[in-house]
Amino acid sequence: MSVVAEPSPTTTGDGLRERIEALEHDLDAALKPYDEPSTRDLRNDPVSRKRRVTERDRWFERVRGEILGLARDPVWRDHALKVELLLTLEDLRAEIALDDDALDEAWKVRYAMKIMEDVVRAMLRQLDHSAIDDPAFAARFVAEELRSVEVGEVAKLLGATTKSVQNWRRGRVEQIKRNPKRISLVGQLVYELRNSWEPHGILLWFDRSREQFDQRTPRQLIDADVADAAPKLLSLARGGRAQLDV
């Protein structure tokens, strides 16, 4: 499943995030280890079967309502992730229709749920990316994520002064006039790397030479041309997940 590049959502309101997180929670709960009926009698018992089917149908209708509500939101109306979400909804509906006993013995229903969960998590990341596109947000974010790194090193990475980084670590961020595009890009990269690297490791990532860049480092690419470096470095930082992020 692939997603073509689309304009980023224009808002990151807490209400919208809460709705997407609620959908993620519903999917995550449904993907917990499945408590299958322990005996053949329970598996084939009409009452047990009716209960399973009813509970699953109620769950699906709730999730369907959440998804359709998100699809109608202006933030996602023209976004490729909305299309992906609606496609996964149809895939899930089709697999449920084929699973008459609500046992999902072939794991096809849960596989469709897992694909849907991946899209939902990509939507959450998209909201974060949109926020970090704001240099002021990115500056505060990087300063906090790399708090354990020496302030001078963070300043060099961002192309800022040590005084500015100190202020950002205190939460005092004004309009960014110096190197705003660089700060946003570094923010996006730190966001991608933070779950795989500790702060000093993130700093080392920027200074490791790469064969695909003719032995240049990510920092050198940023120093040379931020706009040219952005797609190359974001793809590198995202790794195999890049196809769902836009």
C-alpha atoms as a PDB file:
ATOM      1  CA  MET A   1       0.000   0.000   0.000  1.00  0.00           C
ATOM      2  CA  SER A   2       1.519   3.311  -1.032  1.00  0.00           C
ATOM      3  CA  VAL A   3       0.697   6.952  -0.599  1.00  0.00           C
ATOM      4  CA  VAL A   4       1.607   9.744  -2.971  1.00  0.00           C
ATOM      5  CA  ALA A   5       2.725  13.101  -1.626  1.00  0.00           C
ATOM      6  CA  GLU A   6      -0.069  15.472  -0.654  1.00  0.00           C
ATOM      7  CA  PRO A   7      -0.293  18.848   1.070  1.00  0.00           C
ATOM      8  CA  SER A   8       0.064  18.593   4.834  1.00  0.00           C
ATOM      9  CA  PRO A   9      -2.954  19.113   7.095  1.00  0.00           C
ATOM     10  CA  THR A  10      -3.304  22.739   8.106  1.00  0.00           C
ATOM     11  CA  THR A  11      -4.132  22.278  11.767  1.00  0.00           C
ATOM     12  CA  THR A  12      -2.943  20.220  14.697  1.00  0.00           C
ATOM     13  CA  GLY A  13      -5.827  20.880  17.088  1.00  0.00           C
ATOM     14  CA  ASP A  14      -5.998  18.783  20.225  1.00  0.00           C
ATOM     15  CA  GLY A  15      -9.561  17.733  19.401  1.00  0.00           C
ATOM     16  CA  LEU A  16      -8.523  16.254  16.075  1.00  0.00           C
ATOM     17  CA  ARG A  17      -5.589  14.421  17.642  1.00  0.00           C
ATOM     18  CA  GLU A  18      -7.862  13.005  20.344  1.00  0.00           C
ATOM     19  CA  ARG A  19     -10.227  11.616  17.706  1.00  0.00           C
ATOM     20  CA  ILE A  20      -7.409   9.911  15.828  1.00  0.00           C
ATOM     21  CA  GLU A  21      -5.930   8.571  19.060  1.00  0.00           C
ATOM     22  CA  ALA A  22      -9.355   7.185  20.024  1.00  0.00           C
ATOM     23  CA  LEU A  23      -9.457   5.318  16.705  1.00  0.00           C
ATOM     24  CA  GLU A  24      -5.941   4.011  17.294  1.00  0.00           C
ATOM     25  CA  HIS A  25      -7.006   2.799  20.746  1.00  0.00           C
ATOM     26  CA  ASP A  26     -10.023   0.949  19.317  1.00  0.00           C
ATOM     27  CA  LEU A  27      -7.821  -0.830  16.791  1.00  0.00           C
ATOM     28  CA  ASP A  28      -5.089  -1.603  19.276  1.00  0.00           C
ATOM     29  CA  ALA A  29      -7.597  -3.100  21.707  1.00  0.00           C
ATOM     30  CA  ALA A  30      -9.075  -5.279  18.963  1.00  0.00           C
ATOM     31  CA  LEU A  31      -5.608  -6.567  18.083  1.00  0.00           C
ATOM     32  CA  LYS A  32      -4.838  -7.798  21.596  1.00  0.00           C
ATOM     33  CA  PRO A  33      -4.323 -11.558  21.953  1.00  0.00           C
ATOM     34  CA  TYR A  34      -7.548 -13.178  20.857  1.00  0.00           C
ATOM     35  CA  ASP A  35      -9.469 -15.129  23.504  1.00  0.00           C
ATOM     36  CA  GLU A  36     -10.754 -17.975  21.375  1.00  0.00           C
ATOM     37  CA  PRO A  37     -13.536 -20.264  22.638  1.00  0.00           C
ATOM     38  CA  SER A  38     -11.890 -23.091  24.555  1.00  0.00           C
ATOM     39  CA  THR A  39     -14.133 -25.902  23.418  1.00  0.00           C
ATOM     40  CA  ARG A  40     -15.703 -27.054  20.170  1.00  0.00           C
ATOM     41  CA  ASP A  41     -19.137 -26.674  21.744  1.00  0.00           C
ATOM     42  CA  LEU A  42     -18.589 -22.973  22.446  1.00  0.00           C
ATOM     43  CA  ARG A  43     -17.183 -22.406  18.959  1.00  0.00           C
ATOM     44  CA  ASN A  44     -20.269 -23.919  17.345  1.00  0.00           C
ATOM     45  CA  ASP A  45     -22.882 -22.926  19.893  1.00  0.00           C
ATOM     46  CA  PRO A  46     -25.455 -20.618  18.175  1.00  0.00           C
ATOM     47  CA  VAL A  47     -25.761 -18.358  21.213  1.00  0.00           C
ATOM     48  CA  SER A  48     -21.987 -17.900  21.485  1.00  0.00           C
ATOM     49  CA  ARG A  49     -21.706 -17.281  17.772  1.00  0.00           C
ATOM     50  CA  LYS A  50     -24.491 -14.682  17.858  1.00  0.00           C
ATOM     51  CA  ARG A  51     -22.796 -12.885  20.739  1.00  0.00           C
ATOM     52  CA  ARG A  52     -19.431 -12.796  18.930  1.00  0.00           C
ATOM     53  CA  VAL A  53     -20.956 -11.538  15.708  1.00  0.00           C
ATOM     54  CA  THR A  54     -23.039  -8.892  17.501  1.00  0.00           C
ATOM     55  CA  GLU A  55     -20.075  -7.568  19.488  1.00  0.00           C
ATOM     56  CA  ARG A  56     -17.894  -7.429  16.378  1.00  0.00           C
ATOM     57  CA  ASP A  57     -20.597  -5.694  14.329  1.00  0.00           C
ATOM     58  CA  ARG A  58     -21.043  -3.062  17.045  1.00  0.00           C
ATOM     59  CA  TRP A  59     -17.292  -2.521  17.169  1.00  0.00           C
ATOM     60  CA  PHE A  60     -17.110  -2.160  13.388  1.00  0.00           C
ATOM     61  CA  GLU A  61     -19.969   0.356  13.269  1.00  0.00           C
ATOM     62  CA  ARG A  62     -18.277   2.449  15.951  1.00  0.00           C
ATOM     63  CA  VAL A  63     -14.966   2.407  14.088  1.00  0.00           C
ATOM     64  CA  ARG A  64     -16.731   3.103  10.796  1.00  0.00           C
ATOM     65  CA  GLY A  65     -18.386   6.178  12.320  1.00  0.00           C
ATOM     66  CA  GLU A  66     -15.063   7.436  13.652  1.00  0.00           C
ATOM     67  CA  ILE A  67     -13.404   6.994  10.264  1.00  0.00           C
ATOM     68  CA  LEU A  68     -16.181   8.666   8.290  1.00  0.00           C
ATOM     69  CA  GLY A  69     -16.116  11.576  10.727  1.00  0.00           C
ATOM     70  CA  LEU A  70     -12.377  12.018  10.179  1.00  0.00           C
ATOM     71  CA  ALA A  71     -12.805  11.719   6.409  1.00  0.00           C
ATOM     72  CA  ARG A  72     -15.278  14.626   6.450  1.00  0.00           C
ATOM     73  CA  ASP A  73     -12.949  16.841   8.474  1.00  0.00           C
ATOM     74  CA  PRO A  74     -11.545  19.702   6.318  1.00  0.00           C
ATOM     75  CA  VAL A  75      -8.045  18.866   7.537  1.00  0.00           C
ATOM     76  CA  TRP A  76      -8.090  15.501   5.752  1.00  0.00           C
ATOM     77  CA  ARG A  77     -10.608  16.117   2.984  1.00  0.00           C
ATOM     78  CA  ASP A  78      -8.067  16.225   0.151  1.00  0.00           C
ATOM     79  CA  HIS A  79      -5.292  14.240   1.799  1.00  0.00           C
ATOM     80  CA  ALA A  80      -4.027  10.890   0.486  1.00  0.00           C
ATOM     81  CA  LEU A  81      -4.082   9.363   3.951  1.00  0.00           C
ATOM     82  CA  LYS A  82      -7.846   9.832   4.054  1.00  0.00           C
ATOM     83  CA  VAL A  83      -8.125   7.778   0.868  1.00  0.00           C
ATOM     84  CA  GLU A  84      -5.918   5.080   2.373  1.00  0.00           C
ATOM     85  CA  LEU A  85      -8.030   5.023   5.525  1.00  0.00           C
ATOM     86  CA  LEU A  86     -11.274   4.622   3.573  1.00  0.00           C
ATOM     87  CA  LEU A  87      -9.722   1.849   1.478  1.00  0.00           C
ATOM     88  CA  THR A  88      -8.658  -0.035   4.587  1.00  0.00           C
ATOM     89  CA  LEU A  89     -12.178   0.414   5.973  1.00  0.00           C
ATOM     90  CA  GLU A  90     -13.584  -1.293   2.888  1.00  0.00           C
ATOM     91  CA  ASP A  91     -10.978  -4.067   3.129  1.00  0.00           C
ATOM     92  CA  LEU A  92     -11.922  -4.645   6.753  1.00  0.00           C
ATOM     93  CA  ARG A  93     -15.641  -4.688   5.951  1.00  0.00           C
ATOM     94  CA  ALA A  94     -15.059  -7.274   3.223  1.00  0.00           C
ATOM     95  CA  GLU A  95     -13.035  -9.576   5.490  1.00  0.00           C
ATOM     96  CA  ILE A  96     -15.636  -9.329   8.258  1.00  0.00           C
ATOM     97  CA  ALA A  97     -18.369 -10.255   5.792  1.00  0.00           C
ATOM     98  CA  LEU A  98     -16.468 -13.436   4.930  1.00  0.00           C
ATOM     99  CA  ASP A  99     -15.900 -14.392   8.576  1.00  0.00           C
ATOM    100  CA  ASP A 100     -19.351 -15.752   9.421  1.00  0.00           C
ATOM    101  CA  ASP A 101     -18.418 -17.138  12.841  1.00  0.00           C
ATOM    102  CA  ALA A 102     -16.429 -14.081  14.017  1.00  0.00           C
ATOM    103  CA  LEU A 103     -13.489 -16.379  14.845  1.00  0.00           C
ATOM    104  CA  ASP A 104     -11.019 -14.964  12.296  1.00  0.00           C
ATOM    105  CA  GLU A 105      -9.214 -18.298  12.154  1.00  0.00           C
ATOM    106  CA  ALA A 106      -7.171 -17.231   9.119  1.00  0.00           C
ATOM    107  CA  TRP A 107      -6.261 -13.893  10.771  1.00  0.00           C
ATOM    108  CA  LYS A 108      -7.504 -11.979   7.736  1.00  0.00           C
ATOM    109  CA  VAL A 109      -9.719  -9.623   9.757  1.00  0.00           C
ATOM    110  CA  ARG A 110      -6.915  -8.793  12.157  1.00  0.00           C
ATOM    111  CA  TYR A 111      -4.504  -8.309   9.258  1.00  0.00           C
ATOM    112  CA  ALA A 112      -6.879  -5.712   7.779  1.00  0.00           C
ATOM    113  CA  MET A 113      -7.077  -4.079  11.215  1.00  0.00           C
ATOM    114  CA  LYS A 114      -3.281  -3.943  11.402  1.00  0.00           C
ATOM    115  CA  ILE A 115      -3.024  -2.215   8.033  1.00  0.00           C
ATOM    116  CA  MET A 116      -5.661   0.273   9.174  1.00  0.00           C
ATOM    117  CA  GLU A 117      -3.727   0.900  12.388  1.00  0.00           C
ATOM    118  CA  ASP A 118      -0.593   1.674  10.359  1.00  0.00           C
ATOM    119  CA  VAL A 119      -2.526   4.316   8.397  1.00  0.00           C
ATOM    120  CA  VAL A 120      -3.951   5.823  11.597  1.00  0.00           C
ATOM    121  CA  ARG A 121      -0.476   6.090  13.091  1.00  0.00           C
ATOM    122  CA  ALA A 122       0.738   7.735   9.891  1.00  0.00           C
ATOM    123  CA  MET A 123      -2.038  10.318  10.363  1.00  0.00           C
ATOM    124  CA  LEU A 124      -0.810  11.034  13.878  1.00  0.00           C
ATOM    125  CA  ARG A 125       2.739  11.442  12.580  1.00  0.00           C
ATOM    126  CA  GLN A 126       1.434  13.783   9.887  1.00  0.00           C
ATOM    127  CA  LEU A 127      -0.053  16.042  12.544  1.00  0.00           C
ATOM    128  CA  ASP A 128       3.309  16.097  14.300  1.00  0.00           C
ATOM    129  CA  HIS A 129       5.141  16.855  11.055  1.00  0.00           C
ATOM    130  CA  SER A 130       2.766  19.726  10.351  1.00  0.00           C
ATOM    131  CA  ALA A 131       3.432  21.218  13.769  1.00  0.00           C
ATOM    132  CA  ILE A 132       7.204  20.910  13.333  1.00  0.00           C
ATOM    133  CA  ASP A 133       6.976  22.749  10.023  1.00  0.00           C
ATOM    134  CA  ASP A 134       6.596  25.828  12.241  1.00  0.00           C
ATOM    135  CA  PRO A 135      10.222  26.822  13.022  1.00  0.00           C
ATOM    136  CA  ALA A 136       9.273  28.117  16.479  1.00  0.00           C
ATOM    137  CA  PHE A 137       7.695  24.787  17.377  1.00  0.00           C
ATOM    138  CA  ALA A 138      10.653  22.915  15.880  1.00  0.00           C
ATOM    139  CA  ALA A 139      13.168  25.005  17.833  1.00  0.00           C
ATOM    140  CA  ARG A 140      11.451  24.286  21.132  1.00  0.00           C
ATOM    141  CA  PHE A 141      11.034  20.616  20.226  1.00  0.00           C
ATOM    142  CA  VAL A 142      14.703  20.052  19.358  1.00  0.00           C
ATOM    143  CA  ALA A 143      15.926  22.013  22.359  1.00  0.00           C
ATOM    144  CA  GLU A 144      13.835  19.799  24.631  1.00  0.00           C
ATOM    145  CA  GLU A 145      14.579  16.477  22.912  1.00  0.00           C
ATOM    146  CA  LEU A 146      18.332  17.183  22.973  1.00  0.00           C
ATOM    147  CA  ARG A 147      18.319  18.695  26.460  1.00  0.00           C
ATOM    148  CA  SER A 148      21.117  16.390  27.616  1.00  0.00           C
ATOM    149  CA  VAL A 149      23.359  17.495  24.736  1.00  0.00           C
ATOM    150  CA  GLU A 150      25.721  20.402  25.317  1.00  0.00           C
ATOM    151  CA  VAL A 151      23.993  23.631  24.362  1.00  0.00           C
ATOM    152  CA  GLY A 152      26.751  24.684  21.966  1.00  0.00           C
ATOM    153  CA  GLU A 153      26.407  21.459  19.968  1.00  0.00           C
ATOM    154  CA  VAL A 154      22.656  21.936  19.637  1.00  0.00           C
ATOM    155  CA  ALA A 155      23.194  25.525  18.549  1.00  0.00           C
ATOM    156  CA  LYS A 156      25.615  24.438  15.807  1.00  0.00           C
ATOM    157  CA  LEU A 157      23.198  21.809  14.561  1.00  0.00           C
ATOM    158  CA  LEU A 158      20.334  24.284  14.360  1.00  0.00           C
ATOM    159  CA  GLY A 159      22.404  27.167  13.038  1.00  0.00           C
ATOM    160  CA  ALA A 160      21.412  29.242  16.069  1.00  0.00           C
ATOM    161  CA  THR A 161      23.140  30.995  18.955  1.00  0.00           C
ATOM    162  CA  THR A 162      23.730  29.343  22.311  1.00  0.00           C
ATOM    163  CA  LYS A 163      21.615  32.062  23.944  1.00  0.00           C
ATOM    164  CA  SER A 164      18.706  31.205  21.679  1.00  0.00           C
ATOM    165  CA  VAL A 165      18.921  27.506  22.530  1.00  0.00           C
ATOM    166  CA  GLN A 166      19.058  28.330  26.221  1.00  0.00           C
ATOM    167  CA  ASN A 167      15.900  30.407  25.830  1.00  0.00           C
ATOM    168  CA  TRP A 168      14.179  27.643  23.852  1.00  0.00           C
ATOM    169  CA  ARG A 169      14.972  25.159  26.600  1.00  0.00           C
ATOM    170  CA  ARG A 170      13.189  27.486  28.990  1.00  0.00           C
ATOM    171  CA  GLY A 171      10.192  27.555  26.668  1.00  0.00           C
ATOM    172  CA  ARG A 172      10.824  31.119  25.492  1.00  0.00           C
ATOM    173  CA  VAL A 173      10.545  30.997  21.713  1.00  0.00           C
ATOM    174  CA  GLU A 174       9.851  34.062  19.614  1.00  0.00           C
ATOM    175  CA  GLN A 175       9.627  34.359  15.850  1.00  0.00           C
ATOM    176  CA  ILE A 176      12.516  32.509  14.201  1.00  0.00           C
ATOM    177  CA  LYS A 177      14.346  34.802  11.783  1.00  0.00           C
ATOM    178  CA  ARG A 178      17.671  32.975  11.469  1.00  0.00           C
ATOM    179  CA  ASN A 179      17.755  29.693   9.516  1.00  0.00           C
ATOM    180  CA  PRO A 180      14.027  28.838   9.891  1.00  0.00           C
ATOM    181  CA  LYS A 181      14.064  26.159   7.159  1.00  0.00           C
ATOM    182  CA  ARG A 182      17.107  24.488   8.665  1.00  0.00           C
ATOM    183  CA  ILE A 183      15.519  24.443  12.108  1.00  0.00           C
ATOM    184  CA  SER A 184      12.322  22.893  10.746  1.00  0.00           C
ATOM    185  CA  LEU A 185      14.269  20.202   8.880  1.00  0.00           C
ATOM    186  CA  VAL A 186      16.378  19.354  11.923  1.00  0.00           C
ATOM    187  CA  GLY A 187      13.162  19.187  13.938  1.00  0.00           C
ATOM    188  CA  GLN A 188      11.636  16.726  11.478  1.00  0.00           C
ATOM    189  CA  LEU A 189      14.759  14.565  11.559  1.00  0.00           C
ATOM    190  CA  VAL A 190      15.011  14.561  15.350  1.00  0.00           C
ATOM    191  CA  TYR A 191      11.347  13.582  15.489  1.00  0.00           C
ATOM    192  CA  GLU A 192      12.031  10.582  13.250  1.00  0.00           C
ATOM    193  CA  LEU A 193      15.161   9.510  15.121  1.00  0.00           C
ATOM    194  CA  ARG A 194      14.088  10.011  18.723  1.00  0.00           C
ATOM    195  CA  ASN A 195      12.566   6.548  19.226  1.00  0.00           C
ATOM    196  CA  SER A 196      15.630   4.755  17.884  1.00  0.00           C
ATOM    197  CA  TRP A 197      18.466   6.883  19.238  1.00  0.00           C
ATOM    198  CA  GLU A 198      19.295   8.545  22.534  1.00  0.00           C
ATOM    199  CA  PRO A 199      20.122  12.295  22.299  1.00  0.00           C
ATOM    200  CA  HIS A 200      23.878  11.950  21.840  1.00  0.00           C
ATOM    201  CA  GLY A 201      23.290   9.203  19.301  1.00  0.00           C
ATOM    202  CA  ILE A 202      21.038  11.553  17.333  1.00  0.00           C
ATOM    203  CA  LEU A 203      23.850  14.089  17.232  1.00  0.00           C
ATOM    204  CA  LEU A 204      26.237  11.410  15.972  1.00  0.00           C
ATOM    205  CA  TRP A 205      23.722  10.465  13.261  1.00  0.00           C
ATOM    206  CA  PHE A 206      24.129  13.934  11.749  1.00  0.00           C
ATOM    207  CA  ASP A 207      27.919  13.514  11.610  1.00  0.00           C
ATOM    208  CA  ARG A 208      28.196  10.001  10.214  1.00  0.00           C
ATOM    209  CA  SER A 209      29.399   9.905   6.592  1.00  0.00           C
ATOM    210  CA  ARG A 210      27.135   8.033   4.185  1.00  0.00           C
ATOM    211  CA  GLU A 211      28.144   6.110   1.105  1.00  0.00           C
ATOM    212  CA  GLN A 212      24.945   7.099  -0.734  1.00  0.00           C
ATOM    213  CA  PHE A 213      25.911  10.754  -0.249  1.00  0.00           C
ATOM    214  CA  ASP A 214      29.487  10.312  -1.537  1.00  0.00           C
ATOM    215  CA  GLN A 215      30.787   9.994   2.036  1.00  0.00           C
ATOM    216  CA  ARG A 216      29.224  13.278   3.080  1.00  0.00           C
ATOM    217  CA  THR A 217      27.399  13.545   6.395  1.00  0.00           C
ATOM    218  CA  PRO A 218      23.784  14.642   6.897  1.00  0.00           C
ATOM    219  CA  ARG A 219      25.081  17.815   8.512  1.00  0.00           C
ATOM    220  CA  GLN A 220      27.187  18.600   5.445  1.00  0.00           C
ATOM    221  CA  LEU A 221      24.182  18.115   3.194  1.00  0.00           C
ATOM    222  CA  ILE A 222      22.160  20.520   5.338  1.00  0.00           C
ATOM    223  CA  ASP A 223      25.018  23.047   5.350  1.00  0.00           C
ATOM    224  CA  ALA A 224      25.192  22.915   1.555  1.00  0.00           C
ATOM    225  CA  ASP A 225      21.478  23.137   0.688  1.00  0.00           C
ATOM    226  CA  VAL A 226      18.587  22.627   3.101  1.00  0.00           C
ATOM    227  CA  ALA A 227      15.960  22.197   0.385  1.00  0.00           C
ATOM    228  CA  ASP A 228      18.019  19.609  -1.486  1.00  0.00           C
ATOM    229  CA  ALA A 229      18.929  17.754   1.713  1.00  0.00           C
ATOM    230  CA  ALA A 230      15.386  17.511   3.079  1.00  0.00           C
ATOM    231  CA  PRO A 231      13.930  14.655   0.960  1.00  0.00           C
ATOM    232  CA  LYS A 232      17.165  12.656   1.076  1.00  0.00           C
ATOM    233  CA  LEU A 233      17.566  12.868   4.830  1.00  0.00           C
ATOM    234  CA  LEU A 234      13.904  12.366   5.688  1.00  0.00           C
ATOM    235  CA  SER A 235      13.892   9.196   3.602  1.00  0.00           C
ATOM    236  CA  LEU A 236      17.039   8.010   5.362  1.00  0.00           C
ATOM    237  CA  ALA A 237      15.662   8.775   8.829  1.00  0.00           C
ATOM    238  CA  ARG A 238      12.301   7.128   8.156  1.00  0.00           C
ATOM    239  CA  GLY A 239      13.758   4.001   6.662  1.00  0.00           C
ATOM    240  CA  GLY A 240      11.191   1.401   5.625  1.00  0.00           C
ATOM    241  CA  ARG A 241       8.262   3.445   6.907  1.00  0.00           C
ATOM    242  CA  ALA A 242       8.712   6.261   4.369  1.00  0.00           C
ATOM    243  CA  GLN A 243       5.958   5.012   2.057  1.00  0.00           C
ATOM    244  CA  LEU A 244       3.246   5.964   4.571  1.00  0.00           C
ATOM    245  CA  ASP A 245       4.666   9.362   5.479  1.00  0.00           C
ATOM    246  CA  VAL A 246       4.208  12.361   3.249  1.00  0.00           C
END
